Amino acid sequence: MTTDRLSSGWEIAIFVCGCPIACADRPAVRHMSRHWIRVRGATVDLELVPEDEMAVVIARKIKTLKTKRVE
């Protein structure tokens, strides 16, 4: 995980933690992006996702956020 501070921040970021506790998900990090996709153990944004579907679910969420940004 990088904690470089960008002047404008990121539009979309993916926060990946190895377990559901996500102890690194802190306010000091959250402000770095407008939208976060949180992967915590076997969940994506608190929804249980089979391991072999994680990449597809994350890609779908990115596409949805990018589409909302254009509208």
PDB file of N, CA and C in Angstrom:
ATOM      1  N   MET A   1       0.851  -1.182   0.000  1.00  0.00           N
ATOM      2  CA  MET A   1       0.000   0.000   0.000  1.00  0.00           C
ATOM      3  C   MET A   1       0.889   1.235   0.000  1.00  0.00           C
ATOM      4  N   THR A   2       0.552   2.172  -0.818  1.00  0.00           N
ATOM      5  CA  THR A   2       1.279   3.434  -0.827  1.00  0.00           C
ATOM      6  C   THR A   2       0.456   4.492  -0.098  1.00  0.00           C
ATOM      7  N   THR A   3       1.131   5.393   0.558  1.00  0.00           N
ATOM      8  CA  THR A   3       0.418   6.480   1.232  1.00  0.00           C
ATOM      9  C   THR A   3       0.837   7.822   0.654  1.00  0.00           C
ATOM     10  N   ASP A   4       1.335   7.801  -0.595  1.00  0.00           N
ATOM     11  CA  ASP A   4       1.680   9.064  -1.248  1.00  0.00           C
ATOM     12  C   ASP A   4       0.429   9.928  -1.332  1.00  0.00           C
ATOM     13  N   ARG A   5       0.582  11.182  -1.004  1.00  0.00           N
ATOM     14  CA  ARG A   5      -0.568  12.089  -1.060  1.00  0.00           C
ATOM     15  C   ARG A   5      -0.537  12.835  -2.386  1.00  0.00           C
ATOM     16  N   LEU A   6      -1.596  12.688  -3.131  1.00  0.00           N
ATOM     17  CA  LEU A   6      -1.720  13.399  -4.390  1.00  0.00           C
ATOM     18  C   LEU A   6      -2.539  14.648  -4.153  1.00  0.00           C
ATOM     19  N   SER A   7      -2.197  15.713  -4.842  1.00  0.00           N
ATOM     20  CA  SER A   7      -2.913  16.962  -4.621  1.00  0.00           C
ATOM     21  C   SER A   7      -4.394  16.836  -4.953  1.00  0.00           C
ATOM     22  N   SER A   8      -4.723  16.097  -5.990  1.00  0.00           N
ATOM     23  CA  SER A   8      -6.128  15.966  -6.368  1.00  0.00           C
ATOM     24  C   SER A   8      -6.740  14.663  -5.868  1.00  0.00           C
ATOM     25  N   GLY A   9      -5.938  13.743  -5.367  1.00  0.00           N
ATOM     26  CA  GLY A   9      -6.440  12.459  -4.920  1.00  0.00           C
ATOM     27  C   GLY A   9      -6.782  11.570  -6.101  1.00  0.00           C
ATOM     28  N   TRP A  10      -7.119  10.359  -5.794  1.00  0.00           N
ATOM     29  CA  TRP A  10      -7.506   9.418  -6.839  1.00  0.00           C
ATOM     30  C   TRP A  10      -9.016   9.440  -6.980  1.00  0.00           C
ATOM     31  N   GLU A  11      -9.486   9.153  -8.150  1.00  0.00           N
ATOM     32  CA  GLU A  11     -10.933   9.040  -8.383  1.00  0.00           C
ATOM     33  C   GLU A  11     -11.442   7.708  -7.817  1.00  0.00           C
ATOM     34  N   ILE A  12     -10.730   6.618  -8.152  1.00  0.00           N
ATOM     35  CA  ILE A  12     -11.114   5.280  -7.709  1.00  0.00           C
ATOM     36  C   ILE A  12      -9.860   4.567  -7.218  1.00  0.00           C
ATOM     37  N   ALA A  13      -9.978   3.881  -6.091  1.00  0.00           N
ATOM     38  CA  ALA A  13      -8.857   3.101  -5.574  1.00  0.00           C
ATOM     39  C   ALA A  13      -9.380   1.779  -5.033  1.00  0.00           C
ATOM     40  N   ILE A  14      -8.498   0.796  -5.001  1.00  0.00           N
ATOM     41  CA  ILE A  14      -8.845  -0.521  -4.469  1.00  0.00           C
ATOM     42  C   ILE A  14      -8.028  -0.745  -3.203  1.00  0.00           C
ATOM     43  N   PHE A  15      -8.719  -1.022  -2.127  1.00  0.00           N
ATOM     44  CA  PHE A  15      -8.085  -1.270  -0.839  1.00  0.00           C
ATOM     45  C   PHE A  15      -8.115  -2.777  -0.614  1.00  0.00           C
ATOM     46  N   VAL A  16      -6.967  -3.418  -0.570  1.00  0.00           N
ATOM     47  CA  VAL A  16      -6.901  -4.869  -0.454  1.00  0.00           C
ATOM     48  C   VAL A  16      -6.307  -5.250   0.895  1.00  0.00           C
ATOM     49  N   CYS A  17      -7.070  -5.991   1.670  1.00  0.00           N
ATOM     50  CA  CYS A  17      -6.626  -6.502   2.964  1.00  0.00           C
ATOM     51  C   CYS A  17      -6.762  -8.020   2.949  1.00  0.00           C
ATOM     52  N   GLY A  18      -5.904  -8.697   3.654  1.00  0.00           N
ATOM     53  CA  GLY A  18      -5.926 -10.154   3.676  1.00  0.00           C
ATOM     54  C   GLY A  18      -7.009 -10.755   4.548  1.00  0.00           C
ATOM     55  N   CYS A  19      -7.610  -9.953   5.409  1.00  0.00           N
ATOM     56  CA  CYS A  19      -8.651 -10.502   6.282  1.00  0.00           C
ATOM     57  C   CYS A  19      -9.789  -9.484   6.426  1.00  0.00           C
ATOM     58  N   PRO A  20     -10.945  -9.899   6.937  1.00  0.00           N
ATOM     59  CA  PRO A  20     -12.105  -9.007   7.057  1.00  0.00           C
ATOM     60  C   PRO A  20     -11.932  -7.863   8.054  1.00  0.00           C
ATOM     61  N   ILE A  21     -10.950  -7.952   8.948  1.00  0.00           N
ATOM     62  CA  ILE A  21     -10.767  -6.901   9.952  1.00  0.00           C
ATOM     63  C   ILE A  21     -10.292  -5.607   9.309  1.00  0.00           C
ATOM     64  N   ALA A  22      -9.434  -5.700   8.319  1.00  0.00           N
ATOM     65  CA  ALA A  22      -8.946  -4.538   7.552  1.00  0.00           C
ATOM     66  C   ALA A  22      -8.386  -3.448   8.461  1.00  0.00           C
ATOM     67  N   CYS A  23      -7.442  -3.809   9.314  1.00  0.00           N
ATOM     68  CA  CYS A  23      -6.900  -2.830  10.271  1.00  0.00           C
ATOM     69  C   CYS A  23      -6.179  -1.652   9.606  1.00  0.00           C
ATOM     70  N   ALA A  24      -5.765  -1.778   8.361  1.00  0.00           N
ATOM     71  CA  ALA A  24      -5.099  -0.663   7.681  1.00  0.00           C
ATOM     72  C   ALA A  24      -6.085   0.339   7.088  1.00  0.00           C
ATOM     73  N   ASP A  25      -7.371   0.014   7.095  1.00  0.00           N
ATOM     74  CA  ASP A  25      -8.403   0.914   6.562  1.00  0.00           C
ATOM     75  C   ASP A  25      -8.678   1.996   7.601  1.00  0.00           C
ATOM     76  N   ARG A  26      -7.939   3.071   7.490  1.00  0.00           N
ATOM     77  CA  ARG A  26      -7.999   4.150   8.481  1.00  0.00           C
ATOM     78  C   ARG A  26      -8.339   5.483   7.816  1.00  0.00           C
ATOM     79  N   PRO A  27      -8.829   6.440   8.570  1.00  0.00           N
ATOM     80  CA  PRO A  27      -9.165   7.752   8.009  1.00  0.00           C
ATOM     81  C   PRO A  27      -8.010   8.403   7.261  1.00  0.00           C
ATOM     82  N   ALA A  28      -6.785   8.206   7.727  1.00  0.00           N
ATOM     83  CA  ALA A  28      -5.629   8.822   7.067  1.00  0.00           C
ATOM     84  C   ALA A  28      -5.465   8.307   5.635  1.00  0.00           C
ATOM     85  N   VAL A  29      -5.955   7.118   5.370  1.00  0.00           N
ATOM     86  CA  VAL A  29      -5.871   6.536   4.027  1.00  0.00           C
ATOM     87  C   VAL A  29      -7.135   6.840   3.236  1.00  0.00           C
ATOM     88  N   ARG A  30      -8.285   6.777   3.872  1.00  0.00           N
ATOM     89  CA  ARG A  30      -9.576   6.946   3.185  1.00  0.00           C
ATOM     90  C   ARG A  30      -9.697   8.253   2.414  1.00  0.00           C
ATOM     91  N   HIS A  31      -9.081   9.309   2.889  1.00  0.00           N
ATOM     92  CA  HIS A  31      -9.228  10.612   2.223  1.00  0.00           C
ATOM     93  C   HIS A  31      -8.480  10.678   0.888  1.00  0.00           C
ATOM     94  N   MET A  32      -7.672   9.672   0.613  1.00  0.00           N
ATOM     95  CA  MET A  32      -6.829   9.702  -0.578  1.00  0.00           C
ATOM     96  C   MET A  32      -7.586   9.418  -1.879  1.00  0.00           C
ATOM     97  N   SER A  33      -8.815   8.927  -1.781  1.00  0.00           N
ATOM     98  CA  SER A  33      -9.584   8.614  -2.981  1.00  0.00           C
ATOM     99  C   SER A  33     -11.044   9.004  -2.773  1.00  0.00           C
ATOM    100  N   ARG A  34     -11.690   9.376  -3.863  1.00  0.00           N
ATOM    101  CA  ARG A  34     -13.119   9.714  -3.778  1.00  0.00           C
ATOM    102  C   ARG A  34     -13.969   8.464  -3.603  1.00  0.00           C
ATOM    103  N   HIS A  35     -13.593   7.390  -4.289  1.00  0.00           N
ATOM    104  CA  HIS A  35     -14.345   6.134  -4.237  1.00  0.00           C
ATOM    105  C   HIS A  35     -13.383   4.990  -3.947  1.00  0.00           C
ATOM    106  N   TRP A  36     -13.772   4.136  -3.018  1.00  0.00           N
ATOM    107  CA  TRP A  36     -12.965   2.974  -2.668  1.00  0.00           C
ATOM    108  C   TRP A  36     -13.727   1.705  -2.981  1.00  0.00           C
ATOM    109  N   ILE A  37     -13.013   0.722  -3.470  1.00  0.00           N
ATOM    110  CA  ILE A  37     -13.508  -0.644  -3.560  1.00  0.00           C
ATOM    111  C   ILE A  37     -12.704  -1.390  -2.513  1.00  0.00           C
ATOM    112  N   ARG A  38     -13.389  -1.908  -1.508  1.00  0.00           N
ATOM    113  CA  ARG A  38     -12.696  -2.532  -0.378  1.00  0.00           C
ATOM    114  C   ARG A  38     -12.757  -4.051  -0.479  1.00  0.00           C
ATOM    115  N   VAL A  39     -11.586  -4.651  -0.571  1.00  0.00           N
ATOM    116  CA  VAL A  39     -11.460  -6.104  -0.587  1.00  0.00           C
ATOM    117  C   VAL A  39     -10.916  -6.492   0.779  1.00  0.00           C
ATOM    118  N   ARG A  40     -11.724  -7.234   1.502  1.00  0.00           N
ATOM    119  CA  ARG A  40     -11.356  -7.649   2.863  1.00  0.00           C
ATOM    120  C   ARG A  40     -11.565  -9.146   2.970  1.00  0.00           C
ATOM    121  N   GLY A  41     -10.480  -9.892   2.943  1.00  0.00           N
ATOM    122  CA  GLY A  41     -10.607 -11.350   2.985  1.00  0.00           C
ATOM    123  C   GLY A  41     -11.401 -11.828   1.782  1.00  0.00           C
ATOM    124  N   ALA A  42     -12.511 -12.502   2.030  1.00  0.00           N
ATOM    125  CA  ALA A  42     -13.345 -13.058   0.956  1.00  0.00           C
ATOM    126  C   ALA A  42     -14.504 -12.144   0.579  1.00  0.00           C
ATOM    127  N   THR A  43     -14.403 -10.852   0.899  1.00  0.00           N
ATOM    128  CA  THR A  43     -15.496  -9.938   0.576  1.00  0.00           C
ATOM    129  C   THR A  43     -15.015  -8.786  -0.296  1.00  0.00           C
ATOM    130  N   VAL A  44     -15.943  -8.270  -1.067  1.00  0.00           N
ATOM    131  CA  VAL A  44     -15.721  -7.045  -1.828  1.00  0.00           C
ATOM    132  C   VAL A  44     -16.845  -6.107  -1.424  1.00  0.00           C
ATOM    133  N   ASP A  45     -16.489  -4.985  -0.834  1.00  0.00           N
ATOM    134  CA  ASP A  45     -17.477  -4.038  -0.300  1.00  0.00           C
ATOM    135  C   ASP A  45     -18.522  -4.751   0.565  1.00  0.00           C
ATOM    136  N   LEU A  46     -18.008  -5.588   1.449  1.00  0.00           N
ATOM    137  CA  LEU A  46     -18.780  -6.334   2.456  1.00  0.00           C
ATOM    138  C   LEU A  46     -19.686  -7.426   1.880  1.00  0.00           C
ATOM    139  N   GLU A  47     -19.588  -7.727   0.588  1.00  0.00           N
ATOM    140  CA  GLU A  47     -20.346  -8.821  -0.018  1.00  0.00           C
ATOM    141  C   GLU A  47     -19.422 -10.015  -0.200  1.00  0.00           C
ATOM    142  N   LEU A  48     -19.855 -11.185   0.258  1.00  0.00           N
ATOM    143  CA  LEU A  48     -19.069 -12.398   0.106  1.00  0.00           C
ATOM    144  C   LEU A  48     -18.947 -12.740  -1.379  1.00  0.00           C
ATOM    145  N   VAL A  49     -17.710 -12.943  -1.837  1.00  0.00           N
ATOM    146  CA  VAL A  49     -17.447 -13.212  -3.248  1.00  0.00           C
ATOM    147  C   VAL A  49     -16.527 -14.425  -3.346  1.00  0.00           C
ATOM    148  N   PRO A  50     -16.890 -15.426  -4.169  1.00  0.00           N
ATOM    149  CA  PRO A  50     -15.984 -16.560  -4.364  1.00  0.00           C
ATOM    150  C   PRO A  50     -14.646 -16.069  -4.926  1.00  0.00           C
ATOM    151  N   GLU A  51     -13.565 -16.680  -4.480  1.00  0.00           N
ATOM    152  CA  GLU A  51     -12.222 -16.245  -4.861  1.00  0.00           C
ATOM    153  C   GLU A  51     -12.049 -16.164  -6.380  1.00  0.00           C
ATOM    154  N   ASP A  52     -12.603 -17.123  -7.111  1.00  0.00           N
ATOM    155  CA  ASP A  52     -12.423 -17.139  -8.557  1.00  0.00           C
ATOM    156  C   ASP A  52     -13.249 -16.075  -9.285  1.00  0.00           C
ATOM    157  N   GLU A  53     -14.098 -15.349  -8.562  1.00  0.00           N
ATOM    158  CA  GLU A  53     -14.911 -14.282  -9.156  1.00  0.00           C
ATOM    159  C   GLU A  53     -14.479 -12.879  -8.718  1.00  0.00           C
ATOM    160  N   MET A  54     -13.504 -12.803  -7.827  1.00  0.00           N
ATOM    161  CA  MET A  54     -13.084 -11.503  -7.275  1.00  0.00           C
ATOM    162  C   MET A  54     -12.704 -10.504  -8.356  1.00  0.00           C
ATOM    163  N   ALA A  55     -11.849 -10.900  -9.285  1.00  0.00           N
ATOM    164  CA  ALA A  55     -11.385  -9.970 -10.317  1.00  0.00           C
ATOM    165  C   ALA A  55     -12.545  -9.441 -11.154  1.00  0.00           C
ATOM    166  N   VAL A  56     -13.487 -10.311 -11.488  1.00  0.00           N
ATOM    167  CA  VAL A  56     -14.644  -9.894 -12.293  1.00  0.00           C
ATOM    168  C   VAL A  56     -15.508  -8.911 -11.517  1.00  0.00           C
ATOM    169  N   VAL A  57     -15.756  -9.197 -10.253  1.00  0.00           N
ATOM    170  CA  VAL A  57     -16.579  -8.312  -9.419  1.00  0.00           C
ATOM    171  C   VAL A  57     -15.906  -6.948  -9.259  1.00  0.00           C
ATOM    172  N   ILE A  58     -14.610  -6.942  -9.010  1.00  0.00           N
ATOM    173  CA  ILE A  58     -13.878  -5.682  -8.851  1.00  0.00           C
ATOM    174  C   ILE A  58     -13.899  -4.889 -10.151  1.00  0.00           C
ATOM    175  N   ALA A  59     -13.659  -5.551 -11.276  1.00  0.00           N
ATOM    176  CA  ALA A  59     -13.685  -4.870 -12.581  1.00  0.00           C
ATOM    177  C   ALA A  59     -15.061  -4.277 -12.856  1.00  0.00           C
ATOM    178  N   ARG A  60     -16.111  -4.999 -12.508  1.00  0.00           N
ATOM    179  CA  ARG A  60     -17.477  -4.506 -12.701  1.00  0.00           C
ATOM    180  C   ARG A  60     -17.724  -3.251 -11.853  1.00  0.00           C
ATOM    181  N   LYS A  61     -17.229  -3.261 -10.630  1.00  0.00           N
ATOM    182  CA  LYS A  61     -17.401  -2.096  -9.761  1.00  0.00           C
ATOM    183  C   LYS A  61     -16.649  -0.883 -10.305  1.00  0.00           C
ATOM    184  N   ILE A  62     -15.446  -1.107 -10.827  1.00  0.00           N
ATOM    185  CA  ILE A  62     -14.686  -0.005 -11.425  1.00  0.00           C
ATOM    186  C   ILE A  62     -15.447   0.570 -12.617  1.00  0.00           C
ATOM    187  N   LYS A  63     -15.952  -0.298 -13.460  1.00  0.00           N
ATOM    188  CA  LYS A  63     -16.702   0.153 -14.632  1.00  0.00           C
ATOM    189  C   LYS A  63     -17.941   0.943 -14.222  1.00  0.00           C
ATOM    190  N   THR A  64     -18.643   0.460 -13.203  1.00  0.00           N
ATOM    191  CA  THR A  64     -19.833   1.168 -12.709  1.00  0.00           C
ATOM    192  C   THR A  64     -19.469   2.546 -12.177  1.00  0.00           C
ATOM    193  N   LEU A  65     -18.402   2.642 -11.415  1.00  0.00           N
ATOM    194  CA  LEU A  65     -17.982   3.944 -10.871  1.00  0.00           C
ATOM    195  C   LEU A  65     -17.547   4.888 -11.982  1.00  0.00           C
ATOM    196  N   LYS A  66     -16.840   4.375 -12.987  1.00  0.00           N
ATOM    197  CA  LYS A  66     -16.414   5.220 -14.103  1.00  0.00           C
ATOM    198  C   LYS A  66     -17.617   5.707 -14.898  1.00  0.00           C
ATOM    199  N   THR A  67     -18.625   4.852 -15.082  1.00  0.00           N
ATOM    200  CA  THR A  67     -19.831   5.245 -15.801  1.00  0.00           C
ATOM    201  C   THR A  67     -20.581   6.324 -15.047  1.00  0.00           C
ATOM    202  N   LYS A  68     -20.696   6.198 -13.748  1.00  0.00           N
ATOM    203  CA  LYS A  68     -21.371   7.208 -12.924  1.00  0.00           C
ATOM    204  C   LYS A  68     -20.656   8.546 -13.014  1.00  0.00           C
ATOM    205  N   ARG A  69     -19.331   8.500 -13.104  1.00  0.00           N
ATOM    206  CA  ARG A  69     -18.542   9.725 -13.187  1.00  0.00           C
ATOM    207  C   ARG A  69     -18.818  10.474 -14.487  1.00  0.00           C
ATOM    208  N   VAL A  70     -19.038   9.760 -15.576  1.00  0.00           N
ATOM    209  CA  VAL A  70     -19.287  10.371 -16.886  1.00  0.00           C
ATOM    210  C   VAL A  70     -20.681  10.972 -16.963  1.00  0.00           C
ATOM    211  N   GLU A  71     -21.642  10.365 -16.278  1.00  0.00           N
ATOM    212  CA  GLU A  71     -23.035  10.841 -16.356  1.00  0.00           C
ATOM    213  C   GLU A  71     -23.218  12.194 -15.805  1.00  0.00           C
TER     214      GLU A  71
END
